[in-house]
C-alpha atoms as a PDB file:
ATOM      1  CA  MET A   1     -12.033 -13.742  17.556  1.00  0.00           C
ATOM      2  CA  LEU A   2     -13.065 -16.487  19.996  1.00  0.00           C
ATOM      3  CA  PRO A   3     -12.003 -20.042  19.137  1.00  0.00           C
ATOM      4  CA  SER A   4     -14.763 -22.043  17.424  1.00  0.00           C
ATOM      5  CA  LYS A   5     -15.734 -24.215  20.457  1.00  0.00           C
ATOM      6  CA  ARG A   6     -15.840 -21.273  22.846  1.00  0.00           C
ATOM      7  CA  ARG A   7     -17.754 -19.229  20.300  1.00  0.00           C
ATOM      8  CA  PHE A   8     -20.319 -22.037  19.988  1.00  0.00           C
ATOM      9  CA  LEU A   9     -20.858 -22.285  23.759  1.00  0.00           C
ATOM     10  CA  TRP A  10     -21.003 -18.520  24.107  1.00  0.00           C
ATOM     11  CA  ALA A  11     -23.606 -18.190  21.314  1.00  0.00           C
ATOM     12  CA  TRP A  12     -25.642 -21.106  22.670  1.00  0.00           C
ATOM     13  CA  GLY A  13     -25.712 -19.737  26.229  1.00  0.00           C
ATOM     14  CA  ILE A  14     -26.795 -16.255  25.195  1.00  0.00           C
ATOM     15  CA  SER A  15     -29.455 -17.451  22.745  1.00  0.00           C
ATOM     16  CA  PHE A  16     -30.818 -20.081  25.171  1.00  0.00           C
ATOM     17  CA  ALA A  17     -31.118 -17.531  27.977  1.00  0.00           C
ATOM     18  CA  ALA A  18     -32.825 -15.103  25.621  1.00  0.00           C
ATOM     19  CA  LEU A  19     -35.338 -17.676  24.406  1.00  0.00           C
ATOM     20  CA  VAL A  20     -36.146 -18.832  27.956  1.00  0.00           C
ATOM     21  CA  GLY A  21     -36.598 -15.218  29.005  1.00  0.00           C
ATOM     22  CA  VAL A  22     -38.934 -14.481  26.104  1.00  0.00           C
ATOM     23  CA  SER A  23     -40.962 -17.639  26.815  1.00  0.00           C
ATOM     24  CA  SER A  24     -41.275 -16.768  30.498  1.00  0.00           C
ATOM     25  CA  GLY A  25     -42.327 -13.252  29.635  1.00  0.00           C
ATOM     26  CA  LEU A  26     -45.040 -14.498  27.304  1.00  0.00           C
ATOM     27  CA  VAL A  27     -46.381 -16.856  29.983  1.00  0.00           C
ATOM     28  CA  ALA A  28     -46.494 -14.026  32.503  1.00  0.00           C
ATOM     29  CA  LEU A  29     -48.277 -11.726  30.030  1.00  0.00           C
ATOM     30  CA  LEU A  30     -50.824 -14.401  29.139  1.00  0.00           C
ATOM     31  CA  PRO A  31     -52.012 -15.850  32.512  1.00  0.00           C
ATOM     32  CA  HIS A  32     -55.032 -17.579  30.959  1.00  0.00           C
ATOM     33  CA  ILE A  33     -52.723 -20.067  29.199  1.00  0.00           C
ATOM     34  CA  ASP A  34     -52.554 -23.312  31.150  1.00  0.00           C
ATOM     35  CA  VAL A  35     -48.865 -24.320  31.283  1.00  0.00           C
ATOM     36  CA  THR A  36     -48.515 -27.964  32.221  1.00  0.00           C
ATOM     37  CA  VAL A  37     -45.316 -29.864  32.921  1.00  0.00           C
ATOM     38  CA  ALA A  38     -45.491 -31.419  29.469  1.00  0.00           C
ATOM     39  CA  LYS A  39     -45.868 -28.045  27.797  1.00  0.00           C
ATOM     40  CA  SER A  40     -42.998 -26.624  29.871  1.00  0.00           C
ATOM     41  CA  LEU A  41     -40.738 -29.463  28.769  1.00  0.00           C
ATOM     42  CA  LEU A  42     -41.794 -28.939  25.152  1.00  0.00           C
ATOM     43  CA  ILE A  43     -40.956 -25.221  25.391  1.00  0.00           C
ATOM     44  CA  LEU A  44     -37.613 -26.068  27.000  1.00  0.00           C
ATOM     45  CA  VAL A  45     -36.752 -28.552  24.245  1.00  0.00           C
ATOM     46  CA  ALA A  46     -37.710 -25.974  21.609  1.00  0.00           C
ATOM     47  CA  CYS A  47     -35.485 -23.362  23.283  1.00  0.00           C
ATOM     48  CA  VAL A  48     -32.577 -25.815  23.422  1.00  0.00           C
ATOM     49  CA  SER A  49     -33.026 -26.813  19.771  1.00  0.00           C
ATOM     50  CA  LEU A  50     -33.332 -23.268  18.468  1.00  0.00           C
ATOM     51  CA  SER A  51     -30.346 -22.059  20.489  1.00  0.00           C
ATOM     52  CA  LEU A  52     -28.228 -25.015  19.295  1.00  0.00           C
ATOM     53  CA  ALA A  53     -29.109 -24.246  15.672  1.00  0.00           C
ATOM     54  CA  TYR A  54     -28.256 -20.567  16.153  1.00  0.00           C
ATOM     55  CA  ALA A  55     -24.966 -21.386  17.909  1.00  0.00           C
ATOM     56  CA  TRP A  56     -23.926 -23.810  15.177  1.00  0.00           C
ATOM     57  CA  ARG A  57     -24.609 -21.220  12.501  1.00  0.00           C
ATOM     58  CA  GLU A  58     -22.697 -18.491  14.328  1.00  0.00           C
ATOM     59  CA  SER A  59     -19.678 -20.641  15.181  1.00  0.00           C
ATOM     60  CA  LYS A  60     -18.942 -21.899  11.682  1.00  0.00           C
ATOM     61  CA  ARG A  61     -15.465 -20.833  10.542  1.00  0.00           C
ATOM     62  CA  PRO A  62     -15.698 -18.037   7.978  1.00  0.00           C
ATOM     63  CA  HIS A  63     -14.371 -18.828   4.521  1.00  0.00           C
ATOM     64  CA  LEU A  64     -13.645 -16.456   1.675  1.00  0.00           C
ATOM     65  CA  PRO A  65     -15.903 -17.422  -1.227  1.00  0.00           C
ATOM     66  CA  LEU A  66     -14.100 -18.462  -4.402  1.00  0.00           C
ATOM     67  CA  GLU A  67     -15.916 -15.773  -6.374  1.00  0.00           C
ATOM     68  CA  GLU A  68     -14.443 -13.129  -4.035  1.00  0.00           C
ATOM     69  CA  ILE A  69     -10.933 -14.403  -4.746  1.00  0.00           C
ATOM     70  CA  GLU A  70     -11.559 -14.380  -8.469  1.00  0.00           C
ATOM     71  CA  ALA A  71     -12.958 -10.839  -8.234  1.00  0.00           C
ATOM     72  CA  ILE A  72      -9.651  -9.334  -7.028  1.00  0.00           C
ATOM     73  CA  PRO A  73      -8.844  -6.809  -9.781  1.00  0.00           C
ATOM     74  CA  ARG A  74      -5.676  -7.393 -11.769  1.00  0.00           C
ATOM     75  CA  CYS A  75      -3.313  -4.516 -12.438  1.00  0.00           C
ATOM     76  CA  ARG A  76       0.097  -3.743 -13.897  1.00  0.00           C
ATOM     77  CA  LEU A  77       3.173  -1.751 -12.921  1.00  0.00           C
ATOM     78  CA  GLN A  78       3.991   0.071 -16.132  1.00  0.00           C
ATOM     79  CA  CYS A  79       7.456   1.434 -16.897  1.00  0.00           C
ATOM     80  CA  PRO A  80       8.263   3.284 -19.059  1.00  0.00           C
ATOM     81  CA  ALA A  81       5.037   5.275 -18.879  1.00  0.00           C
ATOM     82  CA  ASP A  82       3.757   7.304 -21.817  1.00  0.00           C
ATOM     83  CA  ARG A  83       2.642  10.918 -21.594  1.00  0.00           C
ATOM     84  CA  SER A  84      -1.001  10.001 -21.030  1.00  0.00           C
ATOM     85  CA  LEU A  85      -0.096   7.957 -17.946  1.00  0.00           C
ATOM     86  CA  ALA A  86       2.261  10.711 -16.780  1.00  0.00           C
ATOM     87  CA  GLU A  87      -0.563  13.265 -16.957  1.00  0.00           C
ATOM     88  CA  GLN A  88      -2.874  10.975 -14.981  1.00  0.00           C
ATOM     89  CA  SER A  89      -0.129  10.566 -12.381  1.00  0.00           C
ATOM     90  CA  HIS A  90       0.218  14.346 -12.183  1.00  0.00           C
ATOM     91  CA  ASP A  91      -3.518  14.643 -11.470  1.00  0.00           C
ATOM     92  CA  LEU A  92      -3.294  11.932  -8.808  1.00  0.00           C
ATOM     93  CA  ALA A  93      -0.367  13.755  -7.172  1.00  0.00           C
ATOM     94  CA  ALA A  94      -2.419  16.955  -7.061  1.00  0.00           C
ATOM     95  CA  GLU A  95      -5.256  15.052  -5.325  1.00  0.00           C
ATOM     96  CA  SER A  96      -2.984  13.226  -2.905  1.00  0.00           C
ATOM     97  CA  TYR A  97      -0.626  15.891  -1.596  1.00  0.00           C
ATOM     98  CA  GLY A  98      -3.134  18.629  -0.846  1.00  0.00           C
ATOM     99  CA  ARG A  99      -1.320  21.843  -0.027  1.00  0.00           C
ATOM    100  CA  ILE A 100       1.905  20.717  -1.755  1.00  0.00           C
ATOM    101  CA  GLU A 101       1.950  21.899  -5.338  1.00  0.00           C
ATOM    102  CA  PRO A 102       2.935  19.138  -7.792  1.00  0.00           C
ATOM    103  CA  ILE A 103       5.781  19.683 -10.204  1.00  0.00           C
ATOM    104  CA  ASN A 104       4.798  21.532 -13.373  1.00  0.00           C
ATOM    105  CA  SER A 105       3.809  18.910 -15.933  1.00  0.00           C
ATOM    106  CA  GLU A 106       6.014  20.395 -18.672  1.00  0.00           C
ATOM    107  CA  ARG A 107       9.087  20.284 -16.441  1.00  0.00           C
ATOM    108  CA  TYR A 108       8.222  16.735 -15.428  1.00  0.00           C
ATOM    109  CA  GLU A 109       7.994  15.819 -19.101  1.00  0.00           C
ATOM    110  CA  GLN A 110      11.549  17.080 -19.578  1.00  0.00           C
ATOM    111  CA  TRP A 111      12.707  14.802 -16.757  1.00  0.00           C
ATOM    112  CA  ARG A 112      10.862  11.868 -18.266  1.00  0.00           C
ATOM    113  CA  LEU A 113      12.344  12.488 -21.699  1.00  0.00           C
ATOM    114  CA  LYS A 114      15.840  12.524 -20.183  1.00  0.00           C
ATOM    115  CA  ASN A 115      15.180   9.172 -18.501  1.00  0.00           C
ATOM    116  CA  PRO A 116      11.908   7.397 -19.422  1.00  0.00           C
ATOM    117  CA  ASN A 117      12.332   4.951 -16.531  1.00  0.00           C
ATOM    118  CA  VAL A 118      11.827   7.459 -13.705  1.00  0.00           C
ATOM    119  CA  LEU A 119       8.045   6.980 -13.509  1.00  0.00           C
ATOM    120  CA  VAL A 120       6.268   3.728 -12.629  1.00  0.00           C
ATOM    121  CA  CYS A 121       2.475   3.750 -12.947  1.00  0.00           C
ATOM    122  CA  LEU A 122       0.096   1.248 -11.382  1.00  0.00           C
ATOM    123  CA  VAL A 123      -2.656   0.852 -13.967  1.00  0.00           C
ATOM    124  CA  ASP A 124      -5.870  -1.145 -13.942  1.00  0.00           C
ATOM    125  CA  GLU A 125      -7.279  -3.260 -16.765  1.00  0.00           C
ATOM    126  CA  ASP A 126      -8.779  -0.121 -18.371  1.00  0.00           C
ATOM    127  CA  GLU A 127      -5.387   1.647 -18.411  1.00  0.00           C
ATOM    128  CA  ASN A 128      -6.392   4.066 -15.672  1.00  0.00           C
ATOM    129  CA  VAL A 129      -3.650   5.160 -13.289  1.00  0.00           C
ATOM    130  CA  ILE A 130      -4.540   3.986  -9.773  1.00  0.00           C
ATOM    131  CA  GLY A 131      -1.148   4.667  -8.219  1.00  0.00           C
ATOM    132  CA  TYR A 132       2.400   5.653  -9.038  1.00  0.00           C
ATOM    133  CA  PHE A 133       5.890   6.190  -7.709  1.00  0.00           C
ATOM    134  CA  ASP A 134       8.849   7.953  -9.262  1.00  0.00           C
ATOM    135  CA  VAL A 135      12.558   7.492  -8.620  1.00  0.00           C
ATOM    136  CA  PHE A 136      15.107   9.859 -10.152  1.00  0.00           C
ATOM    137  CA  PRO A 137      18.769   8.955 -10.644  1.00  0.00           C
ATOM    138  CA  ILE A 138      20.469  12.298 -10.031  1.00  0.00           C
ATOM    139  CA  THR A 139      23.941  13.739 -10.358  1.00  0.00           C
ATOM    140  CA  THR A 140      26.216  13.885  -7.339  1.00  0.00           C
ATOM    141  CA  GLU A 141      26.310  17.678  -7.596  1.00  0.00           C
ATOM    142  CA  PHE A 142      22.542  18.036  -7.305  1.00  0.00           C
ATOM    143  CA  ALA A 143      22.351  15.341  -4.611  1.00  0.00           C
ATOM    144  CA  GLU A 144      24.792  17.331  -2.488  1.00  0.00           C
ATOM    145  CA  ALA A 145      22.689  20.450  -3.023  1.00  0.00           C
ATOM    146  CA  LEU A 146      19.568  18.531  -1.934  1.00  0.00           C
ATOM    147  CA  THR A 147      21.148  16.996   1.161  1.00  0.00           C
ATOM    148  CA  GLY A 148      22.761  20.291   2.052  1.00  0.00           C
ATOM    149  CA  GLY A 149      19.422  22.111   2.021  1.00  0.00           C
ATOM    150  CA  ILE A 150      20.509  24.410  -0.801  1.00  0.00           C
ATOM    151  CA  ALA A 151      18.092  22.963  -3.360  1.00  0.00           C
ATOM    152  CA  THR A 152      14.688  21.275  -3.393  1.00  0.00           C
ATOM    153  CA  GLU A 153      12.879  19.093  -5.901  1.00  0.00           C
ATOM    154  CA  TYR A 154      11.493  22.242  -7.513  1.00  0.00           C
ATOM    155  CA  GLN A 155      15.009  23.282  -8.563  1.00  0.00           C
ATOM    156  CA  MET A 156      15.728  19.985 -10.308  1.00  0.00           C
ATOM    157  CA  LEU A 157      16.372  20.390 -14.055  1.00  0.00           C
ATOM    158  CA  HIS A 158      16.732  17.825 -16.810  1.00  0.00           C
ATOM    159  CA  GLU A 159      20.539  18.134 -16.654  1.00  0.00           C
ATOM    160  CA  HIS A 160      20.407  16.910 -13.060  1.00  0.00           C
ATOM    161  CA  ILE A 161      18.777  13.649 -14.207  1.00  0.00           C
ATOM    162  CA  VAL A 162      21.087  10.784 -15.118  1.00  0.00           C
ATOM    163  CA  GLY A 163      20.144   9.128 -18.396  1.00  0.00           C
ATOM    164  CA  PRO A 164      19.604   5.361 -18.680  1.00  0.00           C
ATOM    165  CA  ASN A 165      22.924   4.844 -20.483  1.00  0.00           C
ATOM    166  CA  HIS A 166      24.913   6.363 -17.591  1.00  0.00           C
ATOM    167  CA  ILE A 167      23.298   4.604 -14.637  1.00  0.00           C
ATOM    168  CA  ALA A 168      26.508   2.677 -13.910  1.00  0.00           C
ATOM    169  CA  GLU A 169      28.115   5.890 -12.615  1.00  0.00           C
ATOM    170  CA  CYS A 170      25.078   7.123 -10.647  1.00  0.00           C
ATOM    171  CA  LYS A 171      25.402   7.019  -6.853  1.00  0.00           C
ATOM    172  CA  TRP A 172      22.264   8.927  -5.830  1.00  0.00           C
ATOM    173  CA  LEU A 173      18.558   8.214  -6.244  1.00  0.00           C
ATOM    174  CA  TYR A 174      15.738  10.563  -5.296  1.00  0.00           C
ATOM    175  CA  LEU A 175      12.331   9.103  -4.397  1.00  0.00           C
ATOM    176  CA  GLY A 176      10.047  11.828  -5.694  1.00  0.00           C
ATOM    177  CA  GLY A 177       6.711  10.505  -4.482  1.00  0.00           C
ATOM    178  CA  ILE A 178       4.372   7.588  -4.064  1.00  0.00           C
ATOM    179  CA  ALA A 179       0.595   7.929  -4.184  1.00  0.00           C
ATOM    180  CA  VAL A 180      -2.438   5.716  -4.600  1.00  0.00           C
ATOM    181  CA  LYS A 181      -6.054   6.332  -5.527  1.00  0.00           C
ATOM    182  CA  ASP A 182      -8.633   6.063  -2.713  1.00  0.00           C
ATOM    183  CA  PRO A 183      -6.082   5.249   0.043  1.00  0.00           C
ATOM    184  CA  GLU A 184      -8.775   5.198   2.748  1.00  0.00           C
ATOM    185  CA  THR A 185     -10.510   2.159   1.222  1.00  0.00           C
ATOM    186  CA  PHE A 186      -9.599  -1.532   1.420  1.00  0.00           C
ATOM    187  CA  LEU A 187      -8.867  -1.565  -2.309  1.00  0.00           C
ATOM    188  CA  GLY A 188      -6.715   1.543  -1.952  1.00  0.00           C
ATOM    189  CA  ARG A 189      -4.677  -0.067   0.810  1.00  0.00           C
ATOM    190  CA  ARG A 190      -4.225  -3.153  -1.342  1.00  0.00           C
ATOM    191  CA  ARG A 191      -3.000  -0.945  -4.194  1.00  0.00           C
ATOM    192  CA  ALA A 192      -0.550   0.713  -1.819  1.00  0.00           C
ATOM    193  CA  ALA A 193       0.820  -2.749  -0.990  1.00  0.00           C
ATOM    194  CA  TYR A 194       1.291  -3.394  -4.707  1.00  0.00           C
ATOM    195  CA  LEU A 195       3.209  -0.125  -5.056  1.00  0.00           C
ATOM    196  CA  VAL A 196       5.569  -0.839  -2.174  1.00  0.00           C
ATOM    197  CA  TRP A 197       6.211  -4.314  -3.581  1.00  0.00           C
ATOM    198  CA  GLY A 198       6.721  -2.724  -6.996  1.00  0.00           C
ATOM    199  CA  LEU A 199       9.280  -0.308  -5.567  1.00  0.00           C
ATOM    200  CA  LYS A 200      11.194  -3.270  -4.173  1.00  0.00           C
ATOM    201  CA  MET A 201      11.215  -5.010  -7.557  1.00  0.00           C
ATOM    202  CA  TYR A 202      12.080  -1.765  -9.344  1.00  0.00           C
ATOM    203  CA  LEU A 203      15.126  -1.072  -7.188  1.00  0.00           C
ATOM    204  CA  ARG A 204      16.256  -4.668  -7.623  1.00  0.00           C
ATOM    205  CA  ASP A 205      15.872  -4.672 -11.408  1.00  0.00           C
ATOM    206  CA  PHE A 206      17.105  -1.166 -12.187  1.00  0.00           C
ATOM    207  CA  TYR A 207      19.665  -0.336  -9.528  1.00  0.00           C
ATOM    208  CA  GLN A 208      20.958  -3.533  -7.931  1.00  0.00           C
ATOM    209  CA  GLY A 209      24.730  -3.882  -7.978  1.00  0.00           C
ATOM    210  CA  PRO A 210      27.636  -1.424  -7.876  1.00  0.00           C
ATOM    211  CA  PRO A 211      28.108   1.335  -7.166  1.00  0.00           C
ATOM    212  CA  ASN A 212      26.556   1.568  -3.720  1.00  0.00           C
ATOM    213  CA  ARG A 213      23.660   3.961  -4.107  1.00  0.00           C
ATOM    214  CA  THR A 214      21.879   6.174  -1.595  1.00  0.00           C
ATOM    215  CA  LEU A 215      18.131   6.682  -1.842  1.00  0.00           C
ATOM    216  CA  ILE A 216      16.917  10.031  -0.501  1.00  0.00           C
ATOM    217  CA  ALA A 217      13.368  11.243   0.034  1.00  0.00           C
ATOM    218  CA  THR A 218      11.443  13.999   1.778  1.00  0.00           C
ATOM    219  CA  GLY A 219       8.581  13.439   4.194  1.00  0.00           C
ATOM    220  CA  ALA A 220       5.701  15.169   2.438  1.00  0.00           C
ATOM    221  CA  SER A 221       3.169  13.820   4.963  1.00  0.00           C
ATOM    222  CA  LYS A 222       3.086  12.026   8.308  1.00  0.00           C
ATOM    223  CA  GLU A 223       2.088   8.812   6.547  1.00  0.00           C
ATOM    224  CA  GLY A 224       5.000   9.210   4.146  1.00  0.00           C
ATOM    225  CA  GLU A 225       7.448   9.747   6.984  1.00  0.00           C
ATOM    226  CA  HIS A 226       6.139   6.669   8.805  1.00  0.00           C
ATOM    227  CA  LEU A 227       6.676   4.633   5.641  1.00  0.00           C
ATOM    228  CA  LEU A 228      10.250   5.883   5.287  1.00  0.00           C
ATOM    229  CA  GLN A 229      11.008   5.147   8.937  1.00  0.00           C
ATOM    230  CA  ARG A 230       9.521   1.665   8.615  1.00  0.00           C
ATOM    231  CA  PHE A 231      12.073   0.941   5.907  1.00  0.00           C
ATOM    232  CA  HIS A 232      14.918   2.280   8.057  1.00  0.00           C
ATOM    233  CA  PHE A 233      15.493   5.597   6.332  1.00  0.00           C
ATOM    234  CA  THR A 234      17.363   7.893   8.709  1.00  0.00           C
ATOM    235  CA  LEU A 235      16.872  11.622   9.089  1.00  0.00           C
ATOM    236  CA  ARG A 236      19.505  13.382   6.986  1.00  0.00           C
ATOM    237  CA  GLN A 237      18.389  16.975   7.509  1.00  0.00           C
ATOM    238  CA  SER A 238      15.691  18.563   9.656  1.00  0.00           C
ATOM    239  CA  LYS A 239      12.879  20.502   7.998  1.00  0.00           C
ATOM    240  CA  ASN A 240      13.876  23.559  10.067  1.00  0.00           C
ATOM    241  CA  ARG A 241      16.994  23.858   7.918  1.00  0.00           C
ATOM    242  CA  ARG A 242      15.289  23.308   4.581  1.00  0.00           C
ATOM    243  CA  ALA A 243      13.527  25.671   2.220  1.00  0.00           C
ATOM    244  CA  ASP A 244      10.737  23.172   1.504  1.00  0.00           C
ATOM    245  CA  LYS A 245      10.110  22.695   5.269  1.00  0.00           C
ATOM    246  CA  GLN A 246      10.183  18.909   4.877  1.00  0.00           C
ATOM    247  CA  ASN A 247      12.438  16.451   6.683  1.00  0.00           C
ATOM    248  CA  LEU A 248      14.971  14.812   4.376  1.00  0.00           C
ATOM    249  CA  TYR A 249      15.646  11.082   4.826  1.00  0.00           C
ATOM    250  CA  ALA A 250      18.259   8.788   3.336  1.00  0.00           C
ATOM    251  CA  VAL A 251      19.201   5.117   3.224  1.00  0.00           C
ATOM    252  CA  SER A 252      21.791   3.063   1.359  1.00  0.00           C
ATOM    253  CA  ILE A 253      19.967   0.551  -0.842  1.00  0.00           C
ATOM    254  CA  THR A 254      22.565  -2.029   0.233  1.00  0.00           C
ATOM    255  CA  ASN A 255      21.820  -1.394   3.920  1.00  0.00           C
ATOM    256  CA  ARG A 256      21.060  -4.728   5.612  1.00  0.00           C
ATOM    257  CA  THR A 257      18.089  -3.468   7.603  1.00  0.00           C
ATOM    258  CA  PHE A 258      16.647  -1.812   4.507  1.00  0.00           C
ATOM    259  CA  LEU A 259      17.045  -5.031   2.512  1.00  0.00           C
ATOM    260  CA  ALA A 260      15.556  -7.066   5.366  1.00  0.00           C
ATOM    261  CA  ALA A 261      12.516  -4.766   5.440  1.00  0.00           C
ATOM    262  CA  LEU A 262      12.098  -5.215   1.677  1.00  0.00           C
ATOM    263  CA  ASP A 263      12.266  -8.992   2.081  1.00  0.00           C
ATOM    264  CA  ASP A 264       9.261  -8.836   4.418  1.00  0.00           C
ATOM    265  CA  ILE A 265       7.049  -7.411   1.657  1.00  0.00           C
ATOM    266  CA  PRO A 266       4.561  -9.990   0.290  1.00  0.00           C
ATOM    267  CA  ASN A 267       4.903 -11.073  -3.330  1.00  0.00           C
ATOM    268  CA  TRP A 268       1.940  -9.747  -5.331  1.00  0.00           C
ATOM    269  CA  ARG A 269       3.004 -11.103  -8.710  1.00  0.00           C
ATOM    270  CA  ALA A 270      -0.162 -13.242  -8.995  1.00  0.00           C
ATOM    271  CA  VAL A 271      -2.391 -10.149  -9.232  1.00  0.00           C
ATOM    272  CA  CYS A 272       0.045  -7.384 -10.212  1.00  0.00           C
ATOM    273  CA  ARG A 273       2.098  -7.821 -13.355  1.00  0.00           C
ATOM    274  CA  ILE A 274       5.458  -6.123 -13.835  1.00  0.00           C
ATOM    275  CA  GLY A 275       5.562  -4.086 -17.031  1.00  0.00           C
ATOM    276  CA  TRP A 276       9.300  -3.873 -17.599  1.00  0.00           C
ATOM    277  CA  ARG A 277      11.967  -6.301 -18.735  1.00  0.00           C
ATOM    278  CA  ALA A 278      14.609  -6.770 -16.047  1.00  0.00           C
ATOM    279  CA  SER A 279      17.189  -8.297 -18.379  1.00  0.00           C
ATOM    280  CA  LYS A 280      16.980  -5.313 -20.727  1.00  0.00           C
ATOM    281  CA  MET A 281      17.324  -2.894 -17.839  1.00  0.00           C
ATOM    282  CA  LYS A 282      20.415  -4.645 -16.493  1.00  0.00           C
ATOM    283  CA  ARG A 283      22.105  -4.536 -19.887  1.00  0.00           C
ATOM    284  CA  SER A 284      21.508  -0.789 -20.095  1.00  0.00           C
ATOM    285  CA  LYS A 285      23.513  -0.151 -16.925  1.00  0.00           C
ATOM    286  CA  GLY A 286      26.776  -0.632 -18.706  1.00  0.00           C
ATOM    287  CA  GLY A 287      25.892   2.021 -21.271  1.00  0.00           C
END
């Protein structure tokens, strides 16, 4: 955008030239009108005045009205999520991932019963799910099968999920998915920002501290892969060697570049409330 002074001069010049042109055209089309010097000066003054008024209006700095700020919808990151929210998240996953079939809801329910903290739902004031992400603490055995290309998310069973009372021994986390409603809209993009911020807070509150943990994820879409790369995930295994035909990425959650990227995420606490108690979660790590 042009600076205010330049924008004013630019708007004034264009509008003045346009008004003079229109006035000259009218005089040429109406030859019977007697245009004296006095009338010409009056027309010129009118053109200058009108163009100045237009330029002033156009060059004013835009401000966001207070009512627009107050209208930003509040939401909440809910964890644990009940079955109703889990079912809404399943429907959102089916909408978001297109050709990729979401996990069977009954199997997902078994995972959630083993560890209720795996699913985080972004809900609006009417308790509708408008986004979600899920992170699974998994056993070392299954993590090795995933990173070795032997297994995929579809082979994960409830015994591969680490329960909340055994998190202290868990070294592997699997980022199952992240999706938002209406991602092509401004509001959808804002919700996506809330989710990424929520993931940062979730990892800090649930999994900060020893042991060093590795977060793994598959690139289910180009956008998803770009997001992983932005946060310094590195390619662990090419999709050509995997049964699910998706690239597998990994990052240590104590990696400095990963932590630095998380630090760059804006704080959305003013409009997005966290629906878990960090102190309770930290106590549960010791079993």
